[in-house]
Structures are given as C-alpha cells and as structure tokens.
Protein backbone atom coordinates (compact mmCIF):
# COMPACT_ATOMS: atom_id res chain seq x y z
CA MET A 1 70.52 155.68 62.04
CA SER A 2 67.94 158.29 62.93
CA THR A 3 67.13 158.60 58.90
CA LEU A 4 67.02 154.46 58.96
CA LEU A 5 64.97 154.07 61.56
CA LEU A 6 62.49 156.60 59.99
CA ASN A 7 62.42 154.61 57.19
CA LEU A 8 61.83 151.37 58.27
CA ASP A 9 58.89 152.09 61.05
CA PHE A 10 57.16 155.03 58.55
CA GLY A 11 58.02 153.35 55.24
CA GLU A 12 54.92 152.81 53.11
CA PRO A 13 53.79 148.98 52.46
CA PRO A 14 55.00 147.35 50.04
CA PRO A 15 53.24 148.34 46.67
CA LYS A 16 49.97 145.79 46.15
CA LYS A 17 51.80 145.12 43.16
CA ALA A 18 54.25 143.60 44.50
CA LEU A 19 52.43 140.92 46.00
CA GLU A 20 50.35 140.46 43.27
CA GLY A 21 52.91 139.84 41.11
CA ASN A 22 54.54 136.71 43.21
CA ALA A 23 51.18 135.51 43.45
CA LYS A 24 50.95 135.47 39.54
CA HIS A 25 54.33 134.15 39.18
CA ARG A 26 53.61 131.15 40.89
CA ASN A 27 49.90 130.91 39.31
CA PHE A 28 52.06 131.39 35.84
CA VAL A 29 54.87 128.46 37.03
CA LYS A 30 51.48 125.90 37.91
CA LYS A 31 50.17 127.05 34.16
CA ARG A 32 53.05 126.20 32.36
CA ARG A 33 53.61 122.94 34.24
CA LEU A 34 50.50 121.88 33.46
CA LEU A 35 50.48 123.15 29.98
CA GLU A 36 53.56 121.25 29.57
CA ARG A 37 52.44 117.87 30.71
CA ARG A 38 49.43 118.19 28.31
CA GLY A 39 52.23 119.07 25.68
CA PHE A 40 50.12 123.05 24.78
CA LEU A 41 53.80 124.52 25.21
CA SER A 42 55.87 121.67 23.26
CA LYS A 43 56.98 124.04 20.43
CA LYS A 44 58.62 127.08 22.67
CA ASN A 45 59.38 128.96 20.37
CA GLN A 46 56.15 129.82 18.62
CA PRO A 47 54.35 133.03 19.65
CA PRO A 48 51.16 132.47 22.36
CA SER A 49 48.12 133.39 20.23
CA LYS A 50 45.68 135.64 21.74
CA ALA A 51 42.72 133.16 20.80
CA PRO A 52 42.06 129.63 22.36
CA LYS A 53 43.23 126.91 20.81
CA LEU A 54 40.80 124.69 18.71
CA HIS A 55 42.01 121.35 20.20
CA SER A 56 42.76 122.71 24.02
CA GLU A 57 40.05 121.37 26.34
CA PRO A 58 36.53 123.37 27.46
CA PRO A 59 36.76 125.68 29.94
CA LYS A 60 36.23 123.91 33.48
CA LYS A 61 33.70 125.70 36.43
CA GLY A 62 35.10 128.62 37.62
CA GLU A 63 37.89 129.28 35.06
CA THR A 64 38.20 131.87 33.30
CA PRO A 65 40.15 132.99 29.30
CA MET A 66 43.74 134.48 29.65
CA VAL A 67 45.47 136.39 26.89
CA ASP A 68 48.05 134.14 26.06
CA GLY A 69 45.46 130.78 25.81
CA THR A 70 45.08 129.88 29.09
CA TRP A 71 42.67 129.11 31.65
CA LYS A 72 42.60 130.80 35.05
CA THR A 73 41.30 128.92 37.65
CA PRO A 74 40.53 130.51 41.38
CA SER A 75 42.68 130.01 44.04
CA PHE A 76 40.67 128.01 46.93
CA PRO A 77 40.79 128.78 49.92
CA LYS A 78 42.92 127.34 52.40
CA LYS A 79 40.47 125.84 54.68
CA LYS A 80 39.14 123.51 52.09
CA LYS A 81 42.08 123.02 50.45
CA THR A 82 43.58 121.45 53.23
CA ALA A 83 40.48 119.19 54.39
CA ALA A 84 40.47 118.26 50.43
CA CYS A 85 43.94 117.01 50.52
CA SER A 86 44.30 115.54 54.41
CA ASN A 87 42.49 112.69 55.97
CA GLY A 88 42.10 112.46 59.15
CA SER A 89 45.92 111.41 59.72
CA GLY A 90 47.19 113.65 57.95
CA GLN A 91 48.42 112.01 55.12
CA PRO A 92 47.23 113.54 51.57
CA LEU A 93 44.47 111.42 49.97
CA ASP A 94 44.90 111.01 46.01
CA LYS A 95 43.59 113.72 43.74
CA LYS A 96 40.22 111.47 41.78
CA ALA A 97 39.31 110.60 45.79
CA ALA A 98 39.82 114.58 46.92
CA VAL A 99 38.15 115.80 44.12
CA SER A 100 34.30 115.04 44.42
CA TRP A 101 33.72 115.39 40.69
CA LEU A 102 36.82 113.22 39.65
CA THR A 103 35.34 110.00 41.50
CA PRO A 104 33.11 108.26 39.31
CA ALA A 105 29.80 107.67 40.13
CA PRO A 106 28.58 104.80 41.51
CA SER A 107 26.68 102.35 39.41
CA LYS A 108 23.30 102.26 38.97
CA LYS A 109 23.06 98.67 37.90
CA ALA A 110 22.31 96.82 41.10
CA ASP A 111 19.18 99.75 42.05
CA SER A 112 18.14 99.72 38.52
CA VAL A 113 17.76 95.84 39.27
CA ALA A 114 16.29 96.03 42.19
CA ALA A 115 13.65 98.72 41.03
CA LYS A 116 12.62 96.00 38.41
CA VAL A 117 11.94 93.35 40.43
CA ASP A 118 9.86 95.38 42.97
CA LEU A 119 8.03 96.51 39.53
CA LEU A 120 7.50 92.69 38.19
CA GLY A 121 5.83 91.83 42.31
CA GLU A 122 4.03 95.19 41.95
CA PHE A 123 2.46 94.49 38.53
CA GLN A 124 2.21 90.24 39.53
CA SER A 125 0.18 91.04 42.63
CA ALA A 126 -1.99 93.11 40.65
CA LEU A 127 -2.75 90.58 37.98
CA PRO A 128 -6.18 88.34 39.07
CA LYS A 129 -5.65 85.01 40.65
CA ILE A 130 -5.81 82.39 37.91
CA ASN A 131 -5.71 78.45 38.51
CA SER A 132 -2.67 76.61 37.30
CA HIS A 133 -2.39 73.52 35.45
CA PRO A 134 -1.83 70.57 37.37
CA THR A 135 1.94 69.33 37.34
CA ARG A 136 2.26 66.20 36.44
CA SER A 137 2.98 64.90 40.06
CA GLN A 138 -0.41 65.85 40.49
CA LYS A 139 -1.85 64.09 37.70
CA LYS A 140 -0.37 61.02 38.56
CA GLY A 141 -2.07 61.39 42.17
CA SER A 142 -5.41 61.62 40.60
CA GLN A 143 -4.69 58.88 38.10
CA LYS A 144 -3.89 56.34 40.68
CA LYS A 145 -7.25 58.04 43.20
CA SER A 146 -9.51 57.23 40.19
CA SER A 147 -7.99 54.48 39.39
CA LYS A 148 -8.26 53.14 42.93
CA LYS A 149 -12.29 54.18 42.92
CA ASN A 150 -12.38 52.14 39.97
CA HIS A 151 -10.11 49.08 40.71
CA PRO A 152 -13.12 46.61 41.88
CA GLN A 153 -14.81 47.80 38.62
CA LYS A 154 -11.84 46.53 36.25
CA ASN A 155 -10.39 43.78 37.79
CA ALA A 156 -14.38 41.69 38.30
CA PRO A 157 -13.73 40.99 34.30
CA GLN A 158 -10.26 40.39 33.65
CA ASN A 159 -10.31 37.96 37.03
CA SER A 160 -13.15 36.03 35.33
CA PRO A 161 -12.28 35.59 31.33
CA GLN A 162 -14.80 32.63 31.10
CA ALA A 163 -17.86 34.50 32.81
CA HIS A 164 -16.95 36.83 30.00
CA SER A 165 -16.41 34.35 26.85
CA GLU A 166 -19.63 32.39 28.71
CA ASN A 167 -21.54 36.16 28.84
CA LYS A 168 -20.72 36.46 24.86
CA CYS A 169 -21.47 32.58 24.06
CA SER A 170 -25.05 33.40 25.22
CA ARG A 171 -25.66 36.80 23.56
CA ILE A 172 -24.85 34.66 20.47
CA SER A 173 -26.99 31.51 21.45
CA GLN A 174 -29.89 34.15 22.19
CA LYS A 175 -29.51 35.75 18.16
CA LEU A 176 -28.74 32.40 16.87
CA PRO A 177 -32.58 30.73 16.82
CA GLN A 178 -33.71 33.25 14.52
CA LYS A 179 -30.65 32.96 12.42
CA MET A 180 -30.16 29.11 12.22
CA VAL A 181 -31.54 27.07 10.05
CA ALA A 182 -30.91 22.99 9.19
CA ILE A 183 -30.83 21.23 5.94
CA ASP A 184 -30.86 17.70 4.38
CA CYS A 185 -30.95 17.19 1.11
CA GLU A 186 -31.85 13.58 -1.02
CA MET A 187 -30.12 13.13 -4.55
CA VAL A 188 -30.90 10.78 -7.34
CA GLY A 189 -27.98 9.36 -10.02
CA THR A 190 -27.52 11.11 -13.18
CA GLY A 191 -25.25 11.06 -16.22
CA PRO A 192 -23.43 7.83 -17.43
CA LYS A 193 -24.48 5.28 -15.39
CA GLY A 194 -25.87 7.43 -12.80
CA HIS A 195 -23.02 8.31 -11.20
CA VAL A 196 -23.20 11.98 -10.84
CA SER A 197 -25.35 12.87 -7.91
CA SER A 198 -28.48 15.83 -8.62
CA LEU A 199 -30.91 17.28 -6.21
CA ALA A 200 -34.35 16.07 -6.26
CA ARG A 201 -35.49 17.25 -3.00
CA CYS A 202 -34.44 19.37 0.20
CA SER A 203 -36.19 20.45 3.61
CA ILE A 204 -35.38 23.30 6.10
CA VAL A 205 -36.31 23.11 9.35
CA ASN A 206 -35.61 26.37 11.73
CA TYR A 207 -33.91 26.26 15.36
CA ASN A 208 -37.18 24.47 16.96
CA GLY A 209 -37.40 21.66 13.77
CA ASP A 210 -40.42 23.52 12.52
CA VAL A 211 -40.56 22.83 8.19
CA LEU A 212 -39.87 25.68 6.49
CA TYR A 213 -39.39 23.67 3.33
CA ASP A 214 -39.69 20.98 2.23
CA GLU A 215 -40.29 20.30 -2.02
CA TYR A 216 -39.21 17.68 -4.61
CA ILE A 217 -37.32 18.85 -7.44
CA LEU A 218 -36.97 17.80 -10.91
CA PRO A 219 -33.10 17.85 -11.95
CA PRO A 220 -32.24 19.82 -15.55
CA CYS A 221 -30.81 16.37 -16.49
CA HIS A 222 -32.30 12.80 -17.39
CA ILE A 223 -32.37 10.42 -13.83
CA VAL A 224 -30.71 7.23 -14.11
CA ASP A 225 -31.37 6.05 -11.07
CA TYR A 226 -33.73 7.26 -8.20
CA ARG A 227 -31.35 5.72 -5.51
CA THR A 228 -34.46 5.06 -3.77
CA ARG A 229 -33.04 2.67 -1.14
CA TRP A 230 -31.56 5.68 0.66
CA SER A 231 -33.27 9.12 -0.99
CA GLY A 232 -36.95 7.69 -0.74
CA ILE A 233 -37.26 8.90 -4.32
CA ARG A 234 -39.70 7.26 -6.46
CA LYS A 235 -40.81 8.36 -10.50
CA GLN A 236 -44.15 9.89 -9.07
CA HIS A 237 -42.50 11.95 -7.42
CA MET A 238 -41.04 14.04 -10.43
CA VAL A 239 -44.26 14.23 -11.88
CA ASN A 240 -45.41 17.77 -10.01
CA ALA A 241 -41.41 18.50 -8.84
CA THR A 242 -39.97 22.39 -8.95
CA PRO A 243 -37.61 22.55 -11.19
CA PHE A 244 -34.22 22.81 -10.38
CA LYS A 245 -33.34 26.60 -11.30
CA ILE A 246 -36.76 27.45 -9.44
CA ALA A 247 -36.27 25.70 -6.36
CA ARG A 248 -32.60 26.55 -6.51
CA GLY A 249 -33.52 30.39 -6.33
CA GLN A 250 -35.83 29.56 -2.90
CA ILE A 251 -33.24 27.99 -0.64
CA LEU A 252 -30.88 29.88 -1.44
CA LYS A 253 -33.08 33.14 -0.56
CA ILE A 254 -33.69 30.77 3.42
CA LEU A 255 -29.82 29.80 3.40
CA THR A 256 -28.45 33.66 2.86
CA GLY A 257 -27.41 35.49 6.02
CA LYS A 258 -28.30 32.15 8.27
CA ILE A 259 -26.19 30.01 10.33
CA VAL A 260 -26.65 26.75 8.69
CA VAL A 261 -26.85 23.43 10.44
CA GLY A 262 -26.07 19.79 8.61
CA HIS A 263 -24.39 16.34 8.38
CA ALA A 264 -21.56 16.56 5.68
CA ILE A 265 -22.99 19.33 4.65
CA HIS A 266 -20.43 20.24 1.71
CA ASN A 267 -22.51 17.38 0.08
CA ASP A 268 -25.52 18.79 0.07
CA PHE A 269 -24.40 22.61 -1.33
CA LYS A 270 -22.62 21.10 -3.83
CA ALA A 271 -25.69 19.54 -4.98
CA LEU A 272 -27.56 22.87 -5.00
CA GLN A 273 -24.30 24.70 -6.36
CA TYR A 274 -23.88 26.75 -4.00
CA PHE A 275 -20.94 27.80 -1.47
CA HIS A 276 -21.80 29.37 2.12
CA PRO A 277 -19.27 30.98 4.35
CA LYS A 278 -17.64 28.70 6.57
CA SER A 279 -18.11 30.77 9.21
CA LEU A 280 -21.77 30.50 9.17
CA THR A 281 -21.52 26.86 8.25
CA ARG A 282 -22.25 24.24 11.48
CA ASP A 283 -21.43 20.77 9.91
CA THR A 284 -22.23 17.80 12.88
CA SER A 285 -19.52 15.27 10.93
CA HIS A 286 -17.13 17.59 12.37
CA ILE A 287 -17.78 18.64 15.95
CA PRO A 288 -14.74 17.13 18.03
CA PRO A 289 -17.54 17.92 21.36
CA LEU A 290 -20.35 16.02 19.64
CA ASN A 291 -17.88 13.00 19.25
CA ARG A 292 -16.61 12.79 22.64
CA LYS A 293 -20.15 12.89 23.91
CA ALA A 294 -20.65 9.75 21.73
CA ASP A 295 -17.60 8.20 22.81
CA CYS A 296 -16.14 8.26 19.96
CA PRO A 297 -12.78 9.62 18.08
CA GLU A 298 -12.94 12.83 18.10
CA ASN A 299 -11.74 13.51 14.29
CA ALA A 300 -13.81 10.35 13.10
CA THR A 301 -16.51 11.01 10.78
CA MET A 302 -19.41 9.48 12.47
CA SER A 303 -22.96 8.48 10.36
CA LEU A 304 -25.95 10.66 11.62
CA LYS A 305 -27.94 7.25 11.99
CA HIS A 306 -24.88 6.11 14.89
CA LEU A 307 -24.86 9.89 16.97
CA THR A 308 -28.54 10.16 16.63
CA LYS A 309 -29.02 7.02 18.19
CA LYS A 310 -25.77 6.99 20.80
CA LEU A 311 -26.81 10.55 21.93
CA LEU A 312 -30.45 11.08 21.51
CA ASN A 313 -31.66 7.47 21.51
CA ARG A 314 -34.04 7.64 18.66
CA ASP A 315 -33.86 5.46 15.62
CA ILE A 316 -33.63 6.62 11.80
CA GLN A 317 -32.95 5.66 8.14
CA VAL A 318 -34.47 2.29 8.85
CA GLY A 319 -36.65 0.21 6.58
CA LYS A 320 -35.91 -0.04 2.67
CA SER A 321 -38.53 2.91 2.00
CA GLY A 322 -35.60 5.17 2.09
CA HIS A 323 -34.70 8.13 3.99
CA SER A 324 -36.89 11.17 5.40
CA SER A 325 -34.54 14.71 4.44
CA VAL A 326 -37.07 16.52 7.39
CA GLU A 327 -36.34 13.60 9.90
CA ASP A 328 -32.94 13.98 8.93
CA ALA A 329 -32.76 18.17 9.20
CA GLN A 330 -34.64 17.90 12.69
CA ALA A 331 -32.22 15.30 14.57
CA THR A 332 -29.02 17.33 12.80
CA MET A 333 -30.44 20.47 14.85
CA GLU A 334 -31.33 18.31 17.67
CA LEU A 335 -27.37 17.47 18.07
CA TYR A 336 -25.92 20.33 17.47
CA LYS A 337 -28.08 21.98 20.44
CA LEU A 338 -26.45 19.64 22.71
CA VAL A 339 -22.53 21.31 22.42
CA GLU A 340 -24.13 24.13 20.76
CA VAL A 341 -22.57 26.32 23.61
CA GLU A 342 -19.25 24.53 23.87
CA TRP A 343 -18.97 24.80 20.22
CA GLU A 344 -19.73 28.65 20.09
CA GLU A 345 -17.54 29.22 22.26
CA HIS A 346 -14.77 27.50 20.87
CA LEU A 347 -15.67 29.14 17.30
CA ALA A 348 -15.71 32.78 19.31
CA GLN A 349 -12.19 32.15 20.37
CA ASN A 350 -10.69 30.07 16.87
CA PRO A 351 -13.14 32.02 13.96
CA PRO A 352 -13.10 29.66 10.86
CA LYS A 353 -11.08 31.16 7.99
CA ASP A 354 -13.55 30.98 4.65
C-alpha cells in the first residue's frame, strides 16, 4: 500500500506526448471528416502524397500544410469560440452567421445610387442658371394677354365690313380719274349696200369731260352710206381724215391700261377691231343701279338719250344734223359718275371674268 501510495503521490505527470497525442487525434478525426465530406478521401487504398493536391482548395488564413496533404488550422481560444457559437440565449448560431468572413458583404447598390444623386445635385448647383423655355400653358397665357390688348383693334375692321369695302372703293375711285376715259365712236356704211359699219369718227374724254382725242377717220373701204342723220358724217369730213391704221394706233395708246367707259361699247370696240379687258370696261347700258335710278327695268338696255334726259335732265342727239361723239362721251362719263361708288363696290366683290 505504501508503495502504491508513493507511486501515486510522487509519480511523474503523464508525458506531454500522450496529451498532445490525444489533441492530435481529435484534430485528425475532424480533418478526416472534413476531407471525407469534400471528397479527398474517397479512395482509401491510395497512399497519401506528400505534396498537396492540385485540385485542393488554397490554404486559408492561419492554416499550415501537413505531411499528408491536409491543412492544419490553429485552435481558437475557448472564449472566442463560445462567443461566436452562441448568442445571448445560449443557442448556437448558424455557421455562416458565426464566421464574419463567411457572411456576404452588404450590397453597395443603394449607397452608390445615393452617391450618384448627391454628385448630380452638386453638379447642377454648380451650373449657371439658364432661362428655361416657356411651357405651352405659359405661351397660351401670353397669347391671351396679347390678344386682349389688341382685341379692340382686331374687332374694329371685323365689325364694320361695309366701312372696309367703302374705304377700298374710295381708294379705287381716287385712282380712277387718272386712269379712266370715256369713248364714243361714229360709224359709216361700207361693203355691200353699206351694211358694214366702219369707223369714221372717234372722241375720247377724260374723267372731267375734257377732250383727249377727237378725229375724223378715213375707212379703208369705200363709203357707201354716210349715215349722216345718226353719225353726223359728211363727205367733206373725209377729205383730211386720218387713215384708219394710223388713227387706230393713236387710239389704242390712249385706251391701253385704262378703264374705258362707254354706252353699248362693244360696237365701238368692234369698229376699232380691238378687244379691251372686261375688268377695265364700264358699259352704261348694262349697269343695273343706273337703270334703277332712272326707274327702268334693271336688265333692260336703255338708250343713252333716254338715260341722259331722265337722270341728267339734258337733251342730246336732237335735230337732223346727227350725233356728236364728244357730247355722247361726256354724257356717258357723267352717267357713270352717278353710280360710280356703288358699281365699283359691286365689281370689287364680283370681279368680271375676261
């Protein structure tokens, strides 16, 4: 007993190799299980190679290579292990949550968006202020204001179309006297039995009745009938008469570009062998306002003698000496003046087609 007690009391402590061997064995078992899970020890008969395998994972931080190709991880202190493996309630945490380097880093997407917004705001604040273009609503508002300002000016001509047309006619009538003439021609009979009317006299007066042209004209054909009772032409008038071609050129120089007034003027143009634009022609035998003033049917063709007596209270074309082309031209211009404003207004609204 004494010897046993002595051995127990004074025996040497177990060798460190035995304790270390137990710790190594535990680590070995852990590593073996780890390698089995990873598939490195699927072939048991293959001897372990001294060099580490190529397809093995790279060493982690704190691991050291071993002879059998495995990696040795240092043992962590107890306090850190328990703190990492347990929360406040004493329950073990998940491995990924326990190890900090296994947890995924927080996404920086939100932070990057916020940083971009901040940078954009700083960039915009640094830019100089530029006047922005007005929106549609602002444009409409400005247009309404401008329309209100100009409203009385725009409504004035719209509310008075008659005044506008009268002003237009007055401007036209102011230009007419300079470019308006009245014409009257007298004809004699030529051709078989004198049935062809040929020009023998032409008179042109201006707006005020002043004579611009008055000549006896020698027809190119032989005169068969002088028609003195109506034309007032006699044989002696043809002695020094102007040849037709020369007279025609002189007359057309006066008429070209002017408003020509006449009574049954188509007969005069026919004798002149000339066509004048309808827009520049005023025929007093076809002016309805003139017939209304004379208490005659609007569409009726009244004689110049009748209209002059009715409206001007003057007798023309009397006696057996024949007509005077100057007197007829002056009477035609005076008749036209009676309805000039009304007739020009009508023509402005309804221009004749040539």
